[in-house]
PDB file of N, CA and C in Angstrom:
ATOM      1  N   MET A   1     -12.462  12.180 -13.039  1.00  0.00           N
ATOM      2  CA  MET A   1     -12.865  11.420 -11.874  1.00  0.00           C
ATOM      3  C   MET A   1     -14.284  11.829 -11.501  1.00  0.00           C
ATOM      4  N   ASP A   2     -15.069  10.874 -11.134  1.00  0.00           N
ATOM      5  CA  ASP A   2     -16.461  11.113 -10.773  1.00  0.00           C
ATOM      6  C   ASP A   2     -16.534  11.533  -9.308  1.00  0.00           C
ATOM      7  N   THR A   3     -17.234  12.610  -9.046  1.00  0.00           N
ATOM      8  CA  THR A   3     -17.409  13.059  -7.666  1.00  0.00           C
ATOM      9  C   THR A   3     -18.871  13.346  -7.408  1.00  0.00           C
ATOM     10  N   ASP A   4     -19.263  13.174  -6.156  1.00  0.00           N
ATOM     11  CA  ASP A   4     -20.615  13.541  -5.735  1.00  0.00           C
ATOM     12  C   ASP A   4     -20.545  14.930  -5.139  1.00  0.00           C
ATOM     13  N   GLU A   5     -21.537  15.738  -5.467  1.00  0.00           N
ATOM     14  CA  GLU A   5     -21.593  17.065  -4.867  1.00  0.00           C
ATOM     15  C   GLU A   5     -22.020  16.919  -3.413  1.00  0.00           C
ATOM     16  N   GLY A   6     -21.289  17.549  -2.550  1.00  0.00           N
ATOM     17  CA  GLY A   6     -21.595  17.485  -1.132  1.00  0.00           C
ATOM     18  C   GLY A   6     -22.236  18.772  -0.663  1.00  0.00           C
ATOM     19  N   VAL A   7     -22.210  18.983   0.628  1.00  0.00           N
ATOM     20  CA  VAL A   7     -22.787  20.170   1.241  1.00  0.00           C
ATOM     21  C   VAL A   7     -22.077  21.409   0.702  1.00  0.00           C
ATOM     22  N   GLY A   8     -22.844  22.392   0.303  1.00  0.00           N
ATOM     23  CA  GLY A   8     -22.266  23.633  -0.193  1.00  0.00           C
ATOM     24  C   GLY A   8     -21.600  23.499  -1.546  1.00  0.00           C
ATOM     25  N   GLY A   9     -21.885  22.422  -2.268  1.00  0.00           N
ATOM     26  CA  GLY A   9     -21.315  22.241  -3.593  1.00  0.00           C
ATOM     27  C   GLY A   9     -19.874  21.764  -3.592  1.00  0.00           C
ATOM     28  N   VAL A  10     -19.331  21.392  -2.442  1.00  0.00           N
ATOM     29  CA  VAL A  10     -17.954  20.912  -2.375  1.00  0.00           C
ATOM     30  C   VAL A  10     -17.943  19.439  -2.739  1.00  0.00           C
ATOM     31  N   ALA A  11     -17.122  19.071  -3.683  1.00  0.00           N
ATOM     32  CA  ALA A  11     -17.042  17.675  -4.112  1.00  0.00           C
ATOM     33  C   ALA A  11     -16.524  16.813  -2.968  1.00  0.00           C
ATOM     34  N   SER A  12     -17.094  15.608  -2.840  1.00  0.00           N
ATOM     35  CA  SER A  12     -16.693  14.724  -1.748  1.00  0.00           C
ATOM     36  C   SER A  12     -15.219  14.363  -1.842  1.00  0.00           C
ATOM     37  N   THR A  13     -14.675  14.243  -3.046  1.00  0.00           N
ATOM     38  CA  THR A  13     -13.254  13.919  -3.154  1.00  0.00           C
ATOM     39  C   THR A  13     -12.383  15.052  -2.620  1.00  0.00           C
ATOM     40  N   ASP A  14     -12.843  16.297  -2.732  1.00  0.00           N
ATOM     41  CA  ASP A  14     -12.101  17.419  -2.160  1.00  0.00           C
ATOM     42  C   ASP A  14     -12.083  17.326  -0.637  1.00  0.00           C
ATOM     43  N   ARG A  15     -13.218  16.968  -0.043  1.00  0.00           N
ATOM     44  CA  ARG A  15     -13.282  16.810   1.415  1.00  0.00           C
ATOM     45  C   ARG A  15     -12.394  15.654   1.858  1.00  0.00           C
ATOM     46  N   GLU A  16     -12.449  14.547   1.118  1.00  0.00           N
ATOM     47  CA  GLU A  16     -11.618  13.396   1.459  1.00  0.00           C
ATOM     48  C   GLU A  16     -10.142  13.743   1.348  1.00  0.00           C
ATOM     49  N   SER A  17      -9.793  14.485   0.312  1.00  0.00           N
ATOM     50  CA  SER A  17      -8.405  14.892   0.124  1.00  0.00           C
ATOM     51  C   SER A  17      -7.948  15.804   1.260  1.00  0.00           C
ATOM     52  N   LYS A  18      -8.806  16.718   1.661  1.00  0.00           N
ATOM     53  CA  LYS A  18      -8.464  17.619   2.763  1.00  0.00           C
ATOM     54  C   LYS A  18      -8.316  16.832   4.058  1.00  0.00           C
ATOM     55  N   ALA A  19      -9.218  15.889   4.306  1.00  0.00           N
ATOM     56  CA  ALA A  19      -9.141  15.067   5.514  1.00  0.00           C
ATOM     57  C   ALA A  19      -7.851  14.251   5.524  1.00  0.00           C
ATOM     58  N   ALA A  20      -7.496  13.683   4.379  1.00  0.00           N
ATOM     59  CA  ALA A  20      -6.259  12.910   4.289  1.00  0.00           C
ATOM     60  C   ALA A  20      -5.050  13.804   4.530  1.00  0.00           C
ATOM     61  N   ARG A  21      -5.096  15.011   3.985  1.00  0.00           N
ATOM     62  CA  ARG A  21      -3.992  15.954   4.170  1.00  0.00           C
ATOM     63  C   ARG A  21      -3.846  16.328   5.646  1.00  0.00           C
ATOM     64  N   VAL A  22      -4.956  16.621   6.301  1.00  0.00           N
ATOM     65  CA  VAL A  22      -4.912  16.966   7.727  1.00  0.00           C
ATOM     66  C   VAL A  22      -4.397  15.779   8.536  1.00  0.00           C
ATOM     67  N   PHE A  23      -4.918  14.577   8.263  1.00  0.00           N
ATOM     68  CA  PHE A  23      -4.459  13.381   8.969  1.00  0.00           C
ATOM     69  C   PHE A  23      -2.955  13.195   8.780  1.00  0.00           C
ATOM     70  N   GLY A  24      -2.501  13.334   7.541  1.00  0.00           N
ATOM     71  CA  GLY A  24      -1.077  13.175   7.258  1.00  0.00           C
ATOM     72  C   GLY A  24      -0.225  14.180   8.010  1.00  0.00           C
ATOM     73  N   LEU A  25      -0.664  15.430   8.036  1.00  0.00           N
ATOM     74  CA  LEU A  25       0.103  16.460   8.743  1.00  0.00           C
ATOM     75  C   LEU A  25       0.115  16.221  10.252  1.00  0.00           C
ATOM     76  N   VAL A  26      -1.014  15.752  10.796  1.00  0.00           N
ATOM     77  CA  VAL A  26      -1.058  15.423  12.228  1.00  0.00           C
ATOM     78  C   VAL A  26      -0.117  14.259  12.523  1.00  0.00           C
ATOM     79  N   LEU A  27      -0.159  13.222  11.682  1.00  0.00           N
ATOM     80  CA  LEU A  27       0.729  12.073  11.869  1.00  0.00           C
ATOM     81  C   LEU A  27       2.188  12.505  11.784  1.00  0.00           C
ATOM     82  N   ALA A  28       2.513  13.348  10.822  1.00  0.00           N
ATOM     83  CA  ALA A  28       3.884  13.854  10.699  1.00  0.00           C
ATOM     84  C   ALA A  28       4.272  14.649  11.944  1.00  0.00           C
ATOM     85  N   GLY A  29       3.349  15.445  12.461  1.00  0.00           N
ATOM     86  CA  GLY A  29       3.619  16.217  13.675  1.00  0.00           C
ATOM     87  C   GLY A  29       3.882  15.330  14.878  1.00  0.00           C
ATOM     88  N   VAL A  30       3.105  14.260  15.002  1.00  0.00           N
ATOM     89  CA  VAL A  30       3.326  13.311  16.097  1.00  0.00           C
ATOM     90  C   VAL A  30       4.691  12.647  15.930  1.00  0.00           C
ATOM     91  N   GLY A  31       5.033  12.313  14.701  1.00  0.00           N
ATOM     92  CA  GLY A  31       6.346  11.723  14.447  1.00  0.00           C
ATOM     93  C   GLY A  31       7.475  12.653  14.851  1.00  0.00           C
ATOM     94  N   ILE A  32       7.353  13.914  14.505  1.00  0.00           N
ATOM     95  CA  ILE A  32       8.371  14.900  14.882  1.00  0.00           C
ATOM     96  C   ILE A  32       8.423  15.064  16.398  1.00  0.00           C
ATOM     97  N   ALA A  33       7.265  14.987  17.045  1.00  0.00           N
ATOM     98  CA  ALA A  33       7.221  15.096  18.510  1.00  0.00           C
ATOM     99  C   ALA A  33       8.011  13.974  19.178  1.00  0.00           C
ATOM    100  N   HIS A  34       8.101  12.803  18.538  1.00  0.00           N
ATOM    101  CA  HIS A  34       8.920  11.707  19.072  1.00  0.00           C
ATOM    102  C   HIS A  34      10.376  12.152  19.228  1.00  0.00           C
ATOM    103  N   TRP A  35      10.832  12.989  18.317  1.00  0.00           N
ATOM    104  CA  TRP A  35      12.213  13.480  18.360  1.00  0.00           C
ATOM    105  C   TRP A  35      12.371  14.653  19.326  1.00  0.00           C
ATOM    106  N   LEU A  36      11.352  15.484  19.423  1.00  0.00           N
ATOM    107  CA  LEU A  36      11.443  16.652  20.298  1.00  0.00           C
ATOM    108  C   LEU A  36      11.274  16.291  21.768  1.00  0.00           C
ATOM    109  N   ARG A  37      10.385  15.345  22.063  1.00  0.00           N
ATOM    110  CA  ARG A  37      10.105  14.926  23.431  1.00  0.00           C
ATOM    111  C   ARG A  37      10.006  13.396  23.500  1.00  0.00           C
ATOM    112  N   PRO A  38      11.102  12.688  23.261  1.00  0.00           N
ATOM    113  CA  PRO A  38      11.033  11.226  23.217  1.00  0.00           C
ATOM    114  C   PRO A  38      10.563  10.588  24.524  1.00  0.00           C
ATOM    115  N   ALA A  39      10.868  11.216  25.649  1.00  0.00           N
ATOM    116  CA  ALA A  39      10.451  10.640  26.934  1.00  0.00           C
ATOM    117  C   ALA A  39       8.935  10.503  27.025  1.00  0.00           C
ATOM    118  N   ALA A  40       8.208  11.378  26.358  1.00  0.00           N
ATOM    119  CA  ALA A  40       6.743  11.318  26.380  1.00  0.00           C
ATOM    120  C   ALA A  40       6.219  10.069  25.682  1.00  0.00           C
ATOM    121  N   PHE A  41       7.024   9.460  24.820  1.00  0.00           N
ATOM    122  CA  PHE A  41       6.588   8.297  24.051  1.00  0.00           C
ATOM    123  C   PHE A  41       7.236   7.001  24.527  1.00  0.00           C
ATOM    124  N   ASP A  42       8.251   7.096  25.375  1.00  0.00           N
ATOM    125  CA  ASP A  42       8.996   5.907  25.779  1.00  0.00           C
ATOM    126  C   ASP A  42       8.141   4.875  26.510  1.00  0.00           C
ATOM    127  N   ASP A  43       7.243   5.313  27.391  1.00  0.00           N
ATOM    128  CA  ASP A  43       6.428   4.354  28.145  1.00  0.00           C
ATOM    129  C   ASP A  43       5.543   3.533  27.212  1.00  0.00           C
ATOM    130  N   LEU A  44       4.865   4.201  26.306  1.00  0.00           N
ATOM    131  CA  LEU A  44       4.016   3.496  25.343  1.00  0.00           C
ATOM    132  C   LEU A  44       4.855   2.608  24.425  1.00  0.00           C
ATOM    133  N   THR A  45       5.973   3.125  23.971  1.00  0.00           N
ATOM    134  CA  THR A  45       6.841   2.369  23.068  1.00  0.00           C
ATOM    135  C   THR A  45       7.386   1.123  23.745  1.00  0.00           C
ATOM    136  N   SER A  46       7.678   1.209  25.036  1.00  0.00           N
ATOM    137  CA  SER A  46       8.276   0.076  25.753  1.00  0.00           C
ATOM    138  C   SER A  46       7.358  -1.139  25.808  1.00  0.00           C
ATOM    139  N   ARG A  47       6.069  -0.936  25.620  1.00  0.00           N
ATOM    140  CA  ARG A  47       5.132  -2.069  25.655  1.00  0.00           C
ATOM    141  C   ARG A  47       5.338  -3.016  24.479  1.00  0.00           C
ATOM    142  N   ALA A  48       5.694  -2.476  23.334  1.00  0.00           N
ATOM    143  CA  ALA A  48       5.941  -3.306  22.151  1.00  0.00           C
ATOM    144  C   ALA A  48       7.433  -3.500  21.899  1.00  0.00           C
ATOM    145  N   PHE A  49       8.244  -2.606  22.464  1.00  0.00           N
ATOM    146  CA  PHE A  49       9.686  -2.642  22.247  1.00  0.00           C
ATOM    147  C   PHE A  49      10.392  -2.507  23.598  1.00  0.00           C
ATOM    148  N   PRO A  50      10.372  -3.596  24.401  1.00  0.00           N
ATOM    149  CA  PRO A  50      10.900  -3.500  25.761  1.00  0.00           C
ATOM    150  C   PRO A  50      12.419  -3.319  25.838  1.00  0.00           C
ATOM    151  N   THR A  51      13.142  -3.690  24.806  1.00  0.00           N
ATOM    152  CA  THR A  51      14.583  -3.472  24.797  1.00  0.00           C
ATOM    153  C   THR A  51      14.921  -2.406  23.761  1.00  0.00           C
ATOM    154  N   ASP A  52      15.894  -1.598  24.095  1.00  0.00           N
ATOM    155  CA  ASP A  52      16.338  -0.521  23.201  1.00  0.00           C
ATOM    156  C   ASP A  52      15.191   0.445  22.884  1.00  0.00           C
ATOM    157  N   THR A  53      14.406   0.737  23.917  1.00  0.00           N
ATOM    158  CA  THR A  53      13.173   1.510  23.746  1.00  0.00           C
ATOM    159  C   THR A  53      13.400   2.886  23.134  1.00  0.00           C
ATOM    160  N   ARG A  54      14.381   3.629  23.606  1.00  0.00           N
ATOM    161  CA  ARG A  54      14.586   4.983  23.081  1.00  0.00           C
ATOM    162  C   ARG A  54      14.889   4.947  21.581  1.00  0.00           C
ATOM    163  N   ARG A  55      15.702   4.009  21.166  1.00  0.00           N
ATOM    164  CA  ARG A  55      16.007   3.907  19.735  1.00  0.00           C
ATOM    165  C   ARG A  55      14.734   3.609  18.939  1.00  0.00           C
ATOM    166  N   TRP A  56      13.875   2.738  19.484  1.00  0.00           N
ATOM    167  CA  TRP A  56      12.614   2.434  18.802  1.00  0.00           C
ATOM    168  C   TRP A  56      11.673   3.633  18.817  1.00  0.00           C
ATOM    169  N   THR A  57      11.691   4.407  19.888  1.00  0.00           N
ATOM    170  CA  THR A  57      10.885   5.632  19.922  1.00  0.00           C
ATOM    171  C   THR A  57      11.275   6.543  18.766  1.00  0.00           C
ATOM    172  N   LEU A  58      12.558   6.721  18.560  1.00  0.00           N
ATOM    173  CA  LEU A  58      13.040   7.593  17.487  1.00  0.00           C
ATOM    174  C   LEU A  58      12.767   6.993  16.108  1.00  0.00           C
ATOM    175  N   ARG A  59      12.934   5.681  15.980  1.00  0.00           N
ATOM    176  CA  ARG A  59      12.618   5.019  14.704  1.00  0.00           C
ATOM    177  C   ARG A  59      11.138   5.177  14.368  1.00  0.00           C
ATOM    178  N   ASN A  60      10.300   4.936  15.359  1.00  0.00           N
ATOM    179  CA  ASN A  60       8.860   5.069  15.127  1.00  0.00           C
ATOM    180  C   ASN A  60       8.495   6.508  14.773  1.00  0.00           C
ATOM    181  N   GLY A  61       9.137   7.458  15.427  1.00  0.00           N
ATOM    182  CA  GLY A  61       8.891   8.857  15.102  1.00  0.00           C
ATOM    183  C   GLY A  61       9.271   9.177  13.664  1.00  0.00           C
ATOM    184  N   THR A  62      10.397   8.662  13.233  1.00  0.00           N
ATOM    185  CA  THR A  62      10.831   8.871  11.848  1.00  0.00           C
ATOM    186  C   THR A  62       9.835   8.249  10.881  1.00  0.00           C
ATOM    187  N   THR A  63       9.414   7.025  11.182  1.00  0.00           N
ATOM    188  CA  THR A  63       8.447   6.336  10.324  1.00  0.00           C
ATOM    189  C   THR A  63       7.146   7.121  10.240  1.00  0.00           C
ATOM    190  N   GLU A  64       6.647   7.573  11.375  1.00  0.00           N
ATOM    191  CA  GLU A  64       5.383   8.310  11.391  1.00  0.00           C
ATOM    192  C   GLU A  64       5.501   9.641  10.662  1.00  0.00           C
ATOM    193  N   ALA A  65       6.626  10.315  10.807  1.00  0.00           N
ATOM    194  CA  ALA A  65       6.819  11.584  10.098  1.00  0.00           C
ATOM    195  C   ALA A  65       6.836  11.358   8.589  1.00  0.00           C
ATOM    196  N   LEU A  66       7.565  10.355   8.136  1.00  0.00           N
ATOM    197  CA  LEU A  66       7.639  10.078   6.695  1.00  0.00           C
ATOM    198  C   LEU A  66       6.295   9.624   6.134  1.00  0.00           C
ATOM    199  N   LEU A  67       5.606   8.743   6.856  1.00  0.00           N
ATOM    200  CA  LEU A  67       4.288   8.300   6.394  1.00  0.00           C
ATOM    201  C   LEU A  67       3.303   9.463   6.378  1.00  0.00           C
ATOM    202  N   GLY A  68       3.372  10.311   7.380  1.00  0.00           N
ATOM    203  CA  GLY A  68       2.482  11.470   7.429  1.00  0.00           C
ATOM    204  C   GLY A  68       2.685  12.404   6.253  1.00  0.00           C
ATOM    205  N   VAL A  69       3.933  12.675   5.918  1.00  0.00           N
ATOM    206  CA  VAL A  69       4.225  13.535   4.765  1.00  0.00           C
ATOM    207  C   VAL A  69       3.717  12.880   3.486  1.00  0.00           C
ATOM    208  N   ALA A  70       3.917  11.575   3.356  1.00  0.00           N
ATOM    209  CA  ALA A  70       3.438  10.869   2.163  1.00  0.00           C
ATOM    210  C   ALA A  70       1.917  10.941   2.058  1.00  0.00           C
ATOM    211  N   ILE A  71       1.213  10.742   3.156  1.00  0.00           N
ATOM    212  CA  ILE A  71      -0.251  10.781   3.143  1.00  0.00           C
ATOM    213  C   ILE A  71      -0.752  12.192   2.865  1.00  0.00           C
ATOM    214  N   ALA A  72      -0.044  13.186   3.347  1.00  0.00           N
ATOM    215  CA  ALA A  72      -0.448  14.576   3.099  1.00  0.00           C
ATOM    216  C   ALA A  72      -0.288  14.966   1.631  1.00  0.00           C
ATOM    217  N   SER A  73       0.602  14.291   0.937  1.00  0.00           N
ATOM    218  CA  SER A  73       0.848  14.577  -0.479  1.00  0.00           C
ATOM    219  C   SER A  73      -0.112  13.776  -1.345  1.00  0.00           C
ATOM    220  N   ARG A  74      -0.871  14.450  -2.174  1.00  0.00           N
ATOM    221  CA  ARG A  74      -1.833  13.757  -3.032  1.00  0.00           C
ATOM    222  C   ARG A  74      -1.142  12.707  -3.905  1.00  0.00           C
ATOM    223  N   ARG A  75       0.023  13.041  -4.442  1.00  0.00           N
ATOM    224  CA  ARG A  75       0.730  12.129  -5.343  1.00  0.00           C
ATOM    225  C   ARG A  75       1.273  10.900  -4.608  1.00  0.00           C
ATOM    226  N   LEU A  76       1.745  11.087  -3.380  1.00  0.00           N
ATOM    227  CA  LEU A  76       2.347   9.986  -2.623  1.00  0.00           C
ATOM    228  C   LEU A  76       1.365   9.264  -1.708  1.00  0.00           C
ATOM    229  N   ARG A  77       0.140   9.749  -1.642  1.00  0.00           N
ATOM    230  CA  ARG A  77      -0.847   9.205  -0.705  1.00  0.00           C
ATOM    231  C   ARG A  77      -1.039   7.692  -0.824  1.00  0.00           C
ATOM    232  N   PRO A  78      -1.174   7.124  -2.028  1.00  0.00           N
ATOM    233  CA  PRO A  78      -1.351   5.665  -2.089  1.00  0.00           C
ATOM    234  C   PRO A  78      -0.192   4.904  -1.446  1.00  0.00           C
ATOM    235  N   VAL A  79       1.024   5.350  -1.689  1.00  0.00           N
ATOM    236  CA  VAL A  79       2.197   4.715  -1.086  1.00  0.00           C
ATOM    237  C   VAL A  79       2.166   4.901   0.431  1.00  0.00           C
ATOM    238  N   GLY A  80       1.819   6.103   0.874  1.00  0.00           N
ATOM    239  CA  GLY A  80       1.740   6.380   2.304  1.00  0.00           C
ATOM    240  C   GLY A  80       0.704   5.531   3.014  1.00  0.00           C
ATOM    241  N   LEU A  81      -0.441   5.330   2.375  1.00  0.00           N
ATOM    242  CA  LEU A  81      -1.498   4.525   2.993  1.00  0.00           C
ATOM    243  C   LEU A  81      -1.107   3.056   3.073  1.00  0.00           C
ATOM    244  N   VAL A  82      -0.470   2.539   2.033  1.00  0.00           N
ATOM    245  CA  VAL A  82       0.020   1.153   2.079  1.00  0.00           C
ATOM    246  C   VAL A  82       1.084   1.030   3.171  1.00  0.00           C
ATOM    247  N   GLY A  83       1.975   2.013   3.229  1.00  0.00           N
ATOM    248  CA  GLY A  83       2.991   2.016   4.276  1.00  0.00           C
ATOM    249  C   GLY A  83       2.385   2.076   5.665  1.00  0.00           C
ATOM    250  N   LEU A  84       1.334   2.877   5.828  1.00  0.00           N
ATOM    251  CA  LEU A  84       0.664   2.987   7.122  1.00  0.00           C
ATOM    252  C   LEU A  84       0.047   1.651   7.530  1.00  0.00           C
ATOM    253  N   LEU A  85      -0.580   0.967   6.590  1.00  0.00           N
ATOM    254  CA  LEU A  85      -1.148  -0.356   6.901  1.00  0.00           C
ATOM    255  C   LEU A  85      -0.057  -1.317   7.356  1.00  0.00           C
ATOM    256  N   GLY A  86       1.064  -1.316   6.647  1.00  0.00           N
ATOM    257  CA  GLY A  86       2.180  -2.174   7.035  1.00  0.00           C
ATOM    258  C   GLY A  86       2.737  -1.807   8.401  1.00  0.00           C
ATOM    259  N   TYR A  87       2.844  -0.517   8.663  1.00  0.00           N
ATOM    260  CA  TYR A  87       3.375  -0.038   9.938  1.00  0.00           C
ATOM    261  C   TYR A  87       2.455  -0.427  11.092  1.00  0.00           C
ATOM    262  N   VAL A  88       1.159  -0.245  10.917  1.00  0.00           N
ATOM    263  CA  VAL A  88       0.200  -0.615  11.962  1.00  0.00           C
ATOM    264  C   VAL A  88       0.237  -2.127  12.204  1.00  0.00           C
ATOM    265  N   ALA A  89       0.334  -2.910  11.135  1.00  0.00           N
ATOM    266  CA  ALA A  89       0.436  -4.368  11.285  1.00  0.00           C
ATOM    267  C   ALA A  89       1.708  -4.741  12.048  1.00  0.00           C
ATOM    268  N   PHE A  90       2.814  -4.082  11.722  1.00  0.00           N
ATOM    269  CA  PHE A  90       4.078  -4.334  12.414  1.00  0.00           C
ATOM    270  C   PHE A  90       3.963  -4.003  13.900  1.00  0.00           C
ATOM    271  N   LEU A  91       3.373  -2.855  14.221  1.00  0.00           N
ATOM    272  CA  LEU A  91       3.210  -2.477  15.627  1.00  0.00           C
ATOM    273  C   LEU A  91       2.321  -3.471  16.369  1.00  0.00           C
ATOM    274  N   ALA A  92       1.246  -3.911  15.727  1.00  0.00           N
ATOM    275  CA  ALA A  92       0.351  -4.895  16.349  1.00  0.00           C
ATOM    276  C   ALA A  92       1.095  -6.205  16.597  1.00  0.00           C
ATOM    277  N   TRP A  93       1.860  -6.640  15.610  1.00  0.00           N
ATOM    278  CA  TRP A  93       2.631  -7.876  15.738  1.00  0.00           C
ATOM    279  C   TRP A  93       3.630  -7.769  16.884  1.00  0.00           C
ATOM    280  N   ARG A  94       4.327  -6.639  16.973  1.00  0.00           N
ATOM    281  CA  ARG A  94       5.290  -6.445  18.053  1.00  0.00           C
ATOM    282  C   ARG A  94       4.591  -6.417  19.413  1.00  0.00           C
ATOM    283  N   GLY A  95       3.416  -5.801  19.468  1.00  0.00           N
ATOM    284  CA  GLY A  95       2.669  -5.752  20.715  1.00  0.00           C
ATOM    285  C   GLY A  95       2.251  -7.134  21.185  1.00  0.00           C
ATOM    286  N   VAL A  96       1.767  -7.946  20.269  1.00  0.00           N
ATOM    287  CA  VAL A  96       1.370  -9.322  20.601  1.00  0.00           C
ATOM    288  C   VAL A  96       2.597 -10.131  21.004  1.00  0.00           C
ATOM    289  N   GLN A  97       3.674  -9.976  20.265  1.00  0.00           N
ATOM    290  CA  GLN A  97       4.912 -10.694  20.547  1.00  0.00           C
ATOM    291  C   GLN A  97       5.456 -10.328  21.933  1.00  0.00           C
ATOM    292  N   ALA A  98       5.373  -9.077  22.299  1.00  0.00           N
ATOM    293  CA  ALA A  98       5.894  -8.619  23.590  1.00  0.00           C
ATOM    294  C   ALA A  98       5.075  -9.157  24.757  1.00  0.00           C
ATOM    295  N   ARG A  99       3.786  -9.401  24.518  1.00  0.00           N
ATOM    296  CA  ARG A  99       2.934  -9.950  25.584  1.00  0.00           C
ATOM    297  C   ARG A  99       3.280 -11.396  25.884  1.00  0.00           C
ATOM    298  N   GLY A 100       3.931 -12.042  24.933  1.00  0.00           N
ATOM    299  CA  GLY A 100       4.427 -13.389  25.123  1.00  0.00           C
ATOM    300  C   GLY A 100       3.416 -14.425  24.928  1.00  0.00           C
TER     301      GLY A 100
END
């Protein structure tokens, strides 16, 4: 794979990989937080999921945790990124739908 040398001789793909790994781990952590403190996410979740909000809070947390782990993994990253795009599109669609 072709890489450009960056600051300090670190290949840009290494920096990108590290950034993706950190992003994935943060996303997974937020997903887990949905399960540990669901009430903290219920208000935001209710905007796109006004009925059965707590169940959607937990579903979204599970989705975010799984996508985060996939993105953090170099091998699963492409699948995780495609999944993230689909998930964000789904959330946007639900948000628009809820506004009526």
